[in-house]
Amino acid sequence: TRLDITRNQRIVNIQVPNLTSTGNINISQNQTLASIQFPNLTNANNIVIGGWSNINLDLQYILFPSLLSVNELQIKTNTYIEDIQFNSLKNTSYLYISGPSGATLQSLSFNQLTNVTNSLSVSHHSITALNLPNLITVGNLSVYGDQINTINLNSLQETRTHNGSEEELYDISFYAPLTNISLPSLTN
């Protein structure tokens, strides 16, 4: 199943209350869209909200409170987002969050996220705190932002992934004016 909601000039809210599982969701180029709500979605293959040039100009709220697992999650170039909720997300292969200068989002939290098998990338110019307190394993981890001063990775133990029969080591990179970073559990 694929759900594409693109190029709508008048849509203000997207609410999909009964969908529990789907393939791909793509939401972009909806200039008056203010909120996205999928309250009962638990599994998806890919979710893409926004794009490098395909932005949702007025988007303020992204709410997926029941999502447990998604292969790839991308939230890109949405300036006015105030709240992103993925409160139940535990597993993903790829997680990309980006935001331009002048964006309004201040804090980004994925409190239940435990495993990112390939890449977690945050490139955001307004958030000051990144909270991933239960993340245990990640492949590549890249954080870039000129306002990020606190990163919470209290449970992170390793930066590894298994690629077939071969195990690869990955990197952690921070390009931010950090004053606080917490990695007390990192061993590999």
N, C-alpha and C. Protein backbone atom coordinates (compact mmCIF):
# COMPACT_ATOMS: atom_id res chain seq x y z
N THR A 1 0.84 -1.18 0.00
CA THR A 1 0.00 0.00 0.00
C THR A 1 0.88 1.24 0.00
N ARG A 2 0.50 2.20 -0.80
CA ARG A 2 1.24 3.46 -0.88
C ARG A 2 0.24 4.60 -0.71
N LEU A 3 0.57 5.55 0.15
CA LEU A 3 -0.26 6.72 0.38
C LEU A 3 0.55 7.96 0.03
N ASP A 4 0.19 8.60 -1.07
CA ASP A 4 0.84 9.84 -1.51
C ASP A 4 -0.15 10.98 -1.36
N ILE A 5 0.23 11.97 -0.59
CA ILE A 5 -0.57 13.18 -0.46
C ILE A 5 0.36 14.33 -0.83
N THR A 6 0.25 14.77 -2.07
CA THR A 6 1.17 15.79 -2.58
C THR A 6 0.43 16.82 -3.42
N ARG A 7 1.01 18.01 -3.42
CA ARG A 7 0.57 19.11 -4.29
C ARG A 7 -0.88 19.52 -4.07
N ASN A 8 -1.31 19.56 -2.83
CA ASN A 8 -2.65 20.04 -2.51
C ASN A 8 -2.52 21.46 -1.97
N GLN A 9 -3.20 22.38 -2.59
CA GLN A 9 -3.08 23.79 -2.22
C GLN A 9 -4.01 24.20 -1.07
N ARG A 10 -5.00 23.35 -0.72
CA ARG A 10 -5.98 23.75 0.29
C ARG A 10 -6.07 22.82 1.49
N ILE A 11 -5.41 21.70 1.46
CA ILE A 11 -5.51 20.75 2.56
C ILE A 11 -4.84 21.33 3.82
N VAL A 12 -5.54 21.26 4.95
CA VAL A 12 -5.04 21.82 6.20
C VAL A 12 -4.65 20.72 7.18
N ASN A 13 -5.44 19.65 7.28
CA ASN A 13 -5.17 18.57 8.23
C ASN A 13 -5.25 17.22 7.53
N ILE A 14 -4.36 16.34 7.91
CA ILE A 14 -4.43 14.94 7.47
C ILE A 14 -4.63 14.11 8.72
N GLN A 15 -5.74 13.40 8.79
CA GLN A 15 -6.04 12.51 9.91
C GLN A 15 -6.41 11.14 9.34
N VAL A 16 -5.66 10.13 9.76
CA VAL A 16 -5.91 8.76 9.29
C VAL A 16 -6.01 7.90 10.55
N PRO A 17 -7.18 7.88 11.22
CA PRO A 17 -7.30 7.27 12.54
C PRO A 17 -7.33 5.75 12.57
N ASN A 18 -7.69 5.08 11.49
CA ASN A 18 -7.87 3.63 11.56
C ASN A 18 -6.78 2.82 10.87
N LEU A 19 -5.85 3.45 10.20
CA LEU A 19 -4.78 2.73 9.53
C LEU A 19 -3.77 2.23 10.57
N THR A 20 -3.49 0.92 10.54
CA THR A 20 -2.54 0.34 11.51
C THR A 20 -1.24 -0.12 10.86
N SER A 21 -1.25 -0.39 9.57
CA SER A 21 -0.05 -0.85 8.88
C SER A 21 -0.13 -0.41 7.42
N THR A 22 1.02 -0.04 6.86
CA THR A 22 1.05 0.40 5.47
C THR A 22 2.44 0.24 4.89
N GLY A 23 2.53 0.40 3.58
CA GLY A 23 3.82 0.37 2.91
C GLY A 23 4.50 1.73 3.03
N ASN A 24 4.25 2.60 2.06
CA ASN A 24 4.93 3.89 2.01
C ASN A 24 3.95 5.04 2.18
N ILE A 25 4.41 6.07 2.88
CA ILE A 25 3.66 7.32 3.04
C ILE A 25 4.56 8.44 2.56
N ASN A 26 4.05 9.26 1.64
CA ASN A 26 4.79 10.42 1.15
C ASN A 26 3.86 11.62 1.24
N ILE A 27 4.27 12.62 2.02
CA ILE A 27 3.47 13.84 2.20
C ILE A 27 4.39 15.03 1.88
N SER A 28 4.11 15.71 0.77
CA SER A 28 4.95 16.85 0.40
C SER A 28 4.19 17.81 -0.51
N GLN A 29 4.68 19.02 -0.57
CA GLN A 29 4.16 20.09 -1.41
C GLN A 29 2.70 20.42 -1.11
N ASN A 30 2.35 20.41 0.16
CA ASN A 30 1.00 20.78 0.59
C ASN A 30 1.14 22.11 1.34
N GLN A 31 0.97 23.20 0.65
CA GLN A 31 1.37 24.50 1.16
C GLN A 31 0.59 24.98 2.38
N THR A 32 -0.64 24.53 2.58
CA THR A 32 -1.41 25.00 3.74
C THR A 32 -1.57 23.93 4.81
N LEU A 33 -0.91 22.79 4.66
CA LEU A 33 -1.01 21.69 5.61
C LEU A 33 -0.44 22.10 6.97
N ALA A 34 -1.25 21.96 8.03
CA ALA A 34 -0.83 22.34 9.38
C ALA A 34 -0.54 21.13 10.27
N SER A 35 -1.26 20.02 10.08
CA SER A 35 -1.02 18.87 10.96
C SER A 35 -1.20 17.55 10.23
N ILE A 36 -0.42 16.57 10.70
CA ILE A 36 -0.48 15.19 10.20
C ILE A 36 -0.69 14.30 11.41
N GLN A 37 -1.75 13.47 11.37
CA GLN A 37 -2.05 12.59 12.50
C GLN A 37 -2.37 11.19 12.01
N PHE A 38 -1.59 10.22 12.45
CA PHE A 38 -1.81 8.80 12.22
C PHE A 38 -1.79 8.13 13.60
N PRO A 39 -2.85 8.27 14.39
CA PRO A 39 -2.80 7.86 15.80
C PRO A 39 -2.67 6.37 16.06
N ASN A 40 -3.07 5.51 15.12
CA ASN A 40 -3.02 4.07 15.36
C ASN A 40 -2.08 3.30 14.44
N LEU A 41 -1.31 4.01 13.62
CA LEU A 41 -0.36 3.34 12.74
C LEU A 41 0.77 2.75 13.58
N THR A 42 1.03 1.44 13.45
CA THR A 42 2.09 0.79 14.22
C THR A 42 3.28 0.39 13.36
N ASN A 43 3.06 0.11 12.08
CA ASN A 43 4.15 -0.33 11.20
C ASN A 43 4.01 0.31 9.83
N ALA A 44 5.16 0.69 9.27
CA ALA A 44 5.20 1.23 7.91
C ALA A 44 6.55 0.90 7.30
N ASN A 45 6.59 0.86 5.98
CA ASN A 45 7.86 0.64 5.31
C ASN A 45 8.66 1.94 5.29
N ASN A 46 8.14 2.96 4.61
CA ASN A 46 8.83 4.25 4.52
C ASN A 46 7.85 5.37 4.77
N ILE A 47 8.30 6.38 5.50
CA ILE A 47 7.53 7.60 5.71
C ILE A 47 8.43 8.78 5.34
N VAL A 48 7.97 9.58 4.37
CA VAL A 48 8.70 10.77 3.95
C VAL A 48 7.76 11.95 4.08
N ILE A 49 8.16 12.94 4.88
CA ILE A 49 7.37 14.15 5.07
C ILE A 49 8.26 15.33 4.68
N GLY A 50 7.86 16.03 3.64
CA GLY A 50 8.66 17.13 3.12
C GLY A 50 9.67 16.63 2.11
N GLY A 51 10.68 17.40 1.87
CA GLY A 51 11.73 17.06 0.92
C GLY A 51 12.67 18.23 0.82
N TRP A 52 13.73 18.07 0.07
CA TRP A 52 14.72 19.15 0.01
C TRP A 52 14.10 20.41 -0.59
N SER A 53 13.22 20.25 -1.55
CA SER A 53 12.55 21.42 -2.09
C SER A 53 11.03 21.25 -2.07
N ASN A 54 10.55 20.10 -1.68
CA ASN A 54 9.11 19.81 -1.70
C ASN A 54 8.54 19.95 -0.29
N ILE A 55 8.49 21.14 0.22
CA ILE A 55 8.14 21.36 1.62
C ILE A 55 6.64 21.55 1.80
N ASN A 56 6.23 21.32 3.03
CA ASN A 56 4.87 21.61 3.48
C ASN A 56 5.00 22.91 4.28
N LEU A 57 4.68 24.03 3.67
CA LEU A 57 5.05 25.35 4.19
C LEU A 57 4.51 25.66 5.58
N ASP A 58 3.28 25.27 5.91
CA ASP A 58 2.67 25.65 7.18
C ASP A 58 2.62 24.52 8.20
N LEU A 59 3.27 23.41 7.94
CA LEU A 59 3.18 22.24 8.81
C LEU A 59 3.73 22.52 10.20
N GLN A 60 2.89 22.25 11.23
CA GLN A 60 3.27 22.50 12.62
C GLN A 60 3.34 21.24 13.46
N TYR A 61 2.51 20.23 13.17
CA TYR A 61 2.42 19.05 14.02
C TYR A 61 2.51 17.77 13.20
N ILE A 62 3.38 16.86 13.64
CA ILE A 62 3.50 15.52 13.05
C ILE A 62 3.31 14.53 14.19
N LEU A 63 2.20 13.80 14.16
CA LEU A 63 1.84 12.93 15.28
C LEU A 63 1.63 11.49 14.81
N PHE A 64 2.54 10.62 15.19
CA PHE A 64 2.48 9.18 14.94
C PHE A 64 2.72 8.49 16.28
N PRO A 65 1.84 8.65 17.26
CA PRO A 65 2.13 8.20 18.63
C PRO A 65 2.21 6.70 18.83
N SER A 66 1.68 5.88 17.91
CA SER A 66 1.68 4.42 18.09
C SER A 66 2.68 3.70 17.20
N LEU A 67 3.40 4.41 16.34
CA LEU A 67 4.32 3.77 15.40
C LEU A 67 5.45 3.08 16.16
N LEU A 68 5.60 1.76 15.94
CA LEU A 68 6.63 0.97 16.59
C LEU A 68 7.85 0.75 15.70
N SER A 69 7.61 0.57 14.40
CA SER A 69 8.68 0.21 13.50
C SER A 69 8.44 0.80 12.12
N VAL A 70 9.51 1.33 11.52
CA VAL A 70 9.48 1.85 10.17
C VAL A 70 10.86 1.63 9.57
N ASN A 71 10.91 1.22 8.30
CA ASN A 71 12.20 1.01 7.68
C ASN A 71 12.95 2.34 7.54
N GLU A 72 12.30 3.32 6.95
CA GLU A 72 12.95 4.61 6.74
C GLU A 72 11.99 5.73 7.10
N LEU A 73 12.47 6.67 7.92
CA LEU A 73 11.69 7.83 8.32
C LEU A 73 12.48 9.08 7.97
N GLN A 74 11.87 9.94 7.13
CA GLN A 74 12.50 11.19 6.72
C GLN A 74 11.55 12.35 6.98
N ILE A 75 12.02 13.34 7.71
CA ILE A 75 11.27 14.58 7.92
C ILE A 75 12.23 15.69 7.53
N LYS A 76 11.92 16.36 6.39
CA LYS A 76 12.89 17.29 5.82
C LYS A 76 12.29 18.65 5.51
N THR A 77 13.02 19.68 5.87
CA THR A 77 12.81 21.05 5.43
C THR A 77 11.39 21.56 5.66
N ASN A 78 10.88 21.32 6.84
CA ASN A 78 9.58 21.87 7.23
C ASN A 78 9.85 22.93 8.30
N THR A 79 9.69 24.18 7.96
CA THR A 79 10.15 25.30 8.79
C THR A 79 9.39 25.49 10.09
N TYR A 80 8.07 25.35 10.09
CA TYR A 80 7.28 25.77 11.25
C TYR A 80 6.84 24.65 12.17
N ILE A 81 7.46 23.50 12.10
CA ILE A 81 7.08 22.39 12.97
C ILE A 81 7.35 22.76 14.42
N GLU A 82 6.31 22.56 15.25
CA GLU A 82 6.43 22.80 16.68
C GLU A 82 6.54 21.51 17.47
N ASP A 83 5.95 20.42 16.93
CA ASP A 83 5.93 19.17 17.68
C ASP A 83 6.00 17.98 16.73
N ILE A 84 6.94 17.09 17.01
CA ILE A 84 7.07 15.82 16.30
C ILE A 84 6.91 14.73 17.34
N GLN A 85 5.90 13.86 17.17
CA GLN A 85 5.66 12.80 18.15
C GLN A 85 5.72 11.44 17.48
N PHE A 86 6.74 10.71 17.84
CA PHE A 86 6.90 9.30 17.51
C PHE A 86 7.19 8.60 18.83
N ASN A 87 6.26 8.71 19.78
CA ASN A 87 6.48 8.30 21.17
C ASN A 87 6.75 6.82 21.35
N SER A 88 6.30 5.97 20.43
CA SER A 88 6.45 4.52 20.59
C SER A 88 7.49 3.91 19.68
N LEU A 89 8.09 4.69 18.79
CA LEU A 89 9.02 4.15 17.80
C LEU A 89 10.21 3.48 18.49
N LYS A 90 10.42 2.19 18.17
CA LYS A 90 11.52 1.43 18.75
C LYS A 90 12.61 1.07 17.75
N ASN A 91 12.23 0.79 16.50
CA ASN A 91 13.19 0.30 15.51
C ASN A 91 13.03 0.98 14.16
N THR A 92 14.17 1.29 13.55
CA THR A 92 14.19 1.80 12.19
C THR A 92 15.55 1.48 11.58
N SER A 93 15.61 1.49 10.27
CA SER A 93 16.90 1.33 9.60
C SER A 93 17.54 2.69 9.33
N TYR A 94 16.71 3.65 8.92
CA TYR A 94 17.19 4.99 8.59
C TYR A 94 16.28 6.03 9.22
N LEU A 95 16.88 7.03 9.85
CA LEU A 95 16.13 8.14 10.42
C LEU A 95 16.85 9.42 10.03
N TYR A 96 16.16 10.28 9.25
CA TYR A 96 16.72 11.55 8.80
C TYR A 96 15.78 12.68 9.22
N ILE A 97 16.32 13.65 9.92
CA ILE A 97 15.55 14.83 10.32
C ILE A 97 16.37 16.04 9.90
N SER A 98 15.77 16.94 9.13
CA SER A 98 16.48 18.17 8.77
C SER A 98 15.54 19.35 8.88
N GLY A 99 16.11 20.50 9.15
CA GLY A 99 15.33 21.73 9.26
C GLY A 99 16.19 22.92 8.90
N PRO A 100 15.61 23.90 8.23
CA PRO A 100 16.37 25.06 7.77
C PRO A 100 16.58 26.10 8.86
N SER A 101 17.41 27.08 8.56
CA SER A 101 17.54 28.24 9.45
C SER A 101 16.18 28.90 9.58
N GLY A 102 15.86 29.36 10.77
CA GLY A 102 14.57 29.98 11.01
C GLY A 102 13.49 29.01 11.40
N ALA A 103 13.81 27.72 11.48
CA ALA A 103 12.82 26.73 11.89
C ALA A 103 12.44 26.94 13.34
N THR A 104 11.25 26.46 13.74
CA THR A 104 10.74 26.74 15.08
C THR A 104 10.91 25.58 16.06
N LEU A 105 11.20 24.38 15.60
CA LEU A 105 11.34 23.23 16.49
C LEU A 105 12.53 23.42 17.42
N GLN A 106 12.32 23.26 18.73
CA GLN A 106 13.39 23.49 19.70
C GLN A 106 14.02 22.21 20.23
N SER A 107 13.23 21.15 20.36
CA SER A 107 13.73 19.92 20.95
C SER A 107 13.23 18.73 20.15
N LEU A 108 14.04 17.71 20.05
CA LEU A 108 13.69 16.51 19.31
C LEU A 108 13.93 15.31 20.21
N SER A 109 12.87 14.52 20.44
CA SER A 109 12.97 13.36 21.33
C SER A 109 12.35 12.13 20.68
N PHE A 110 13.07 11.05 20.77
CA PHE A 110 12.58 9.73 20.39
C PHE A 110 12.86 8.86 21.61
N ASN A 111 12.00 8.95 22.62
CA ASN A 111 12.28 8.36 23.92
C ASN A 111 12.28 6.85 23.95
N GLN A 112 11.57 6.17 23.04
CA GLN A 112 11.53 4.70 23.05
C GLN A 112 12.44 4.07 22.00
N LEU A 113 13.06 4.86 21.15
CA LEU A 113 13.90 4.33 20.09
C LEU A 113 15.10 3.59 20.67
N THR A 114 15.24 2.30 20.30
CA THR A 114 16.35 1.49 20.81
C THR A 114 17.34 1.08 19.73
N ASN A 115 16.91 1.00 18.47
CA ASN A 115 17.77 0.44 17.44
C ASN A 115 17.60 1.17 16.11
N VAL A 116 18.71 1.67 15.57
CA VAL A 116 18.77 2.23 14.22
C VAL A 116 19.86 1.44 13.51
N THR A 117 19.47 0.51 12.64
CA THR A 117 20.44 -0.43 12.08
C THR A 117 21.43 0.20 11.12
N ASN A 118 21.06 1.25 10.40
CA ASN A 118 21.99 1.83 9.44
C ASN A 118 22.39 3.25 9.78
N SER A 119 21.52 4.22 9.60
CA SER A 119 21.95 5.61 9.73
C SER A 119 20.93 6.47 10.46
N LEU A 120 21.41 7.26 11.39
CA LEU A 120 20.60 8.27 12.07
C LEU A 120 21.29 9.60 11.81
N SER A 121 20.58 10.50 11.14
CA SER A 121 21.15 11.79 10.77
C SER A 121 20.20 12.90 11.17
N VAL A 122 20.70 13.85 11.95
CA VAL A 122 19.94 15.03 12.34
C VAL A 122 20.74 16.24 11.87
N SER A 123 20.16 17.01 10.98
CA SER A 123 20.77 18.23 10.49
C SER A 123 19.72 19.32 10.60
N HIS A 124 19.75 20.03 11.70
CA HIS A 124 18.66 20.96 12.00
C HIS A 124 19.23 22.24 12.60
N HIS A 125 18.73 23.37 12.15
CA HIS A 125 19.30 24.65 12.55
C HIS A 125 18.55 25.36 13.67
N SER A 126 17.56 24.72 14.29
CA SER A 126 16.89 25.41 15.39
C SER A 126 16.84 24.59 16.68
N ILE A 127 16.95 23.27 16.61
CA ILE A 127 16.83 22.51 17.85
C ILE A 127 18.06 22.74 18.74
N THR A 128 17.81 22.78 20.03
CA THR A 128 18.88 22.96 21.00
C THR A 128 19.18 21.67 21.75
N ALA A 129 18.24 20.70 21.71
CA ALA A 129 18.45 19.44 22.44
C ALA A 129 17.98 18.26 21.59
N LEU A 130 18.77 17.20 21.63
CA LEU A 130 18.43 15.94 20.98
C LEU A 130 18.42 14.87 22.05
N ASN A 131 17.23 14.24 22.25
CA ASN A 131 17.08 13.25 23.31
C ASN A 131 16.77 11.88 22.71
N LEU A 132 17.71 10.96 22.89
CA LEU A 132 17.57 9.57 22.46
C LEU A 132 18.00 8.70 23.65
N PRO A 133 17.29 8.78 24.78
CA PRO A 133 17.77 8.17 26.02
C PRO A 133 17.80 6.65 26.03
N ASN A 134 17.05 5.97 25.15
CA ASN A 134 17.02 4.51 25.15
C ASN A 134 17.67 3.89 23.92
N LEU A 135 18.31 4.69 23.08
CA LEU A 135 18.99 4.16 21.91
C LEU A 135 20.19 3.32 22.35
N ILE A 136 20.19 2.04 21.94
CA ILE A 136 21.25 1.11 22.34
C ILE A 136 22.24 0.89 21.21
N THR A 137 21.74 0.72 19.98
CA THR A 137 22.59 0.40 18.84
C THR A 137 22.26 1.33 17.69
N VAL A 138 23.30 1.82 17.02
CA VAL A 138 23.13 2.66 15.84
C VAL A 138 24.26 2.36 14.87
N GLY A 139 23.96 2.46 13.57
CA GLY A 139 25.03 2.38 12.57
C GLY A 139 25.76 3.72 12.57
N ASN A 140 25.67 4.48 11.53
CA ASN A 140 26.23 5.83 11.49
C ASN A 140 25.34 6.77 12.29
N LEU A 141 25.95 7.65 13.04
CA LEU A 141 25.24 8.69 13.77
C LEU A 141 25.89 10.02 13.43
N SER A 142 25.10 10.92 12.84
CA SER A 142 25.60 12.22 12.45
C SER A 142 24.65 13.29 12.95
N VAL A 143 25.18 14.26 13.70
CA VAL A 143 24.38 15.35 14.23
C VAL A 143 25.03 16.66 13.82
N TYR A 144 24.26 17.50 13.12
CA TYR A 144 24.75 18.79 12.69
C TYR A 144 23.70 19.84 13.01
N GLY A 145 24.13 20.93 13.62
CA GLY A 145 23.22 22.03 13.89
C GLY A 145 23.92 23.13 14.64
N ASP A 146 23.64 24.37 14.29
CA ASP A 146 24.34 25.48 14.92
C ASP A 146 23.73 25.90 16.25
N GLN A 147 22.62 25.26 16.68
CA GLN A 147 22.00 25.57 17.97
C GLN A 147 22.03 24.41 18.96
N ILE A 148 22.38 23.20 18.51
CA ILE A 148 22.34 22.02 19.38
C ILE A 148 23.45 22.12 20.43
N ASN A 149 23.04 22.15 21.70
CA ASN A 149 24.04 22.19 22.75
C ASN A 149 23.97 20.99 23.68
N THR A 150 22.89 20.19 23.61
CA THR A 150 22.75 19.03 24.49
C THR A 150 22.31 17.81 23.69
N ILE A 151 23.04 16.71 23.88
CA ILE A 151 22.68 15.44 23.27
C ILE A 151 22.64 14.38 24.36
N ASN A 152 21.50 13.69 24.46
CA ASN A 152 21.33 12.64 25.46
C ASN A 152 21.30 11.29 24.75
N LEU A 153 22.36 10.51 24.93
CA LEU A 153 22.47 9.16 24.40
C LEU A 153 22.88 8.23 25.53
N ASN A 154 22.18 8.29 26.64
CA ASN A 154 22.57 7.59 27.86
C ASN A 154 22.69 6.09 27.71
N SER A 155 21.92 5.45 26.84
CA SER A 155 21.92 3.99 26.73
C SER A 155 22.74 3.47 25.55
N LEU A 156 23.29 4.37 24.72
CA LEU A 156 24.01 3.93 23.53
C LEU A 156 25.20 3.06 23.91
N GLN A 157 25.21 1.81 23.42
CA GLN A 157 26.27 0.87 23.73
C GLN A 157 27.20 0.63 22.56
N GLU A 158 26.68 0.64 21.33
CA GLU A 158 27.56 0.34 20.21
C GLU A 158 27.10 1.00 18.91
N THR A 159 28.08 1.20 18.05
CA THR A 159 27.83 1.72 16.72
C THR A 159 28.24 0.64 15.74
N ARG A 160 27.36 -0.31 15.54
CA ARG A 160 27.64 -1.45 14.67
C ARG A 160 26.39 -1.82 13.89
N THR A 161 26.62 -2.48 12.79
CA THR A 161 25.54 -3.10 12.06
C THR A 161 26.07 -4.37 11.43
N HIS A 162 25.21 -5.27 11.12
CA HIS A 162 25.60 -6.50 10.45
C HIS A 162 25.18 -6.41 9.00
N ASN A 163 26.13 -6.54 8.11
CA ASN A 163 25.88 -6.46 6.68
C ASN A 163 26.14 -7.84 6.10
N GLY A 164 25.09 -8.66 6.03
CA GLY A 164 25.26 -10.05 5.61
C GLY A 164 26.03 -10.79 6.68
N SER A 165 27.13 -11.44 6.33
CA SER A 165 27.94 -12.15 7.31
C SER A 165 29.08 -11.28 7.83
N GLU A 166 29.19 -10.08 7.30
CA GLU A 166 30.29 -9.20 7.65
C GLU A 166 29.81 -8.12 8.62
N GLU A 167 30.53 -7.93 9.71
CA GLU A 167 30.17 -6.89 10.67
C GLU A 167 31.01 -5.66 10.38
N GLU A 168 30.37 -4.50 10.36
CA GLU A 168 31.07 -3.27 10.07
C GLU A 168 30.99 -2.32 11.26
N LEU A 169 32.07 -1.61 11.50
CA LEU A 169 32.05 -0.56 12.51
C LEU A 169 31.65 0.75 11.84
N TYR A 170 30.93 1.57 12.55
CA TYR A 170 30.48 2.84 12.00
C TYR A 170 30.96 3.99 12.87
N ASP A 171 30.62 5.19 12.48
CA ASP A 171 31.13 6.39 13.14
C ASP A 171 30.04 7.16 13.84
N ILE A 172 30.48 7.95 14.81
CA ILE A 172 29.65 8.96 15.45
C ILE A 172 30.30 10.30 15.15
N SER A 173 29.53 11.23 14.57
CA SER A 173 30.05 12.56 14.24
C SER A 173 29.12 13.62 14.79
N PHE A 174 29.71 14.61 15.46
CA PHE A 174 28.94 15.73 15.98
C PHE A 174 29.53 17.02 15.43
N TYR A 175 28.70 17.81 14.77
CA TYR A 175 29.11 19.11 14.25
C TYR A 175 28.14 20.13 14.83
N ALA A 176 28.35 20.46 16.09
CA ALA A 176 27.43 21.34 16.79
C ALA A 176 28.17 21.99 17.96
N PRO A 177 27.68 23.14 18.44
CA PRO A 177 28.33 23.81 19.57
C PRO A 177 27.89 23.18 20.90
N LEU A 178 28.27 21.94 21.12
CA LEU A 178 27.81 21.19 22.28
C LEU A 178 28.39 21.73 23.59
N THR A 179 27.53 21.77 24.60
CA THR A 179 27.99 22.02 25.96
C THR A 179 27.76 20.79 26.83
N ASN A 180 26.83 19.90 26.43
CA ASN A 180 26.55 18.68 27.17
C ASN A 180 26.33 17.52 26.21
N ILE A 181 27.05 16.43 26.45
CA ILE A 181 26.80 15.20 25.74
C ILE A 181 26.97 14.06 26.73
N SER A 182 26.03 13.12 26.67
CA SER A 182 26.05 12.02 27.60
C SER A 182 26.10 10.70 26.84
N LEU A 183 27.21 9.95 26.98
CA LEU A 183 27.42 8.65 26.35
C LEU A 183 27.96 7.67 27.40
N PRO A 184 27.34 7.52 28.55
CA PRO A 184 27.94 6.71 29.62
C PRO A 184 27.98 5.22 29.35
N SER A 185 27.21 4.70 28.41
CA SER A 185 27.15 3.25 28.17
C SER A 185 27.92 2.80 26.94
N LEU A 186 28.51 3.72 26.20
CA LEU A 186 29.18 3.38 24.94
C LEU A 186 30.39 2.48 25.21
N THR A 187 30.39 1.28 24.57
CA THR A 187 31.50 0.35 24.72
C THR A 187 32.13 -0.02 23.40
N ASN A 188 31.42 0.01 22.30
CA ASN A 188 31.95 -0.33 20.98
C ASN A 188 31.66 0.77 19.99
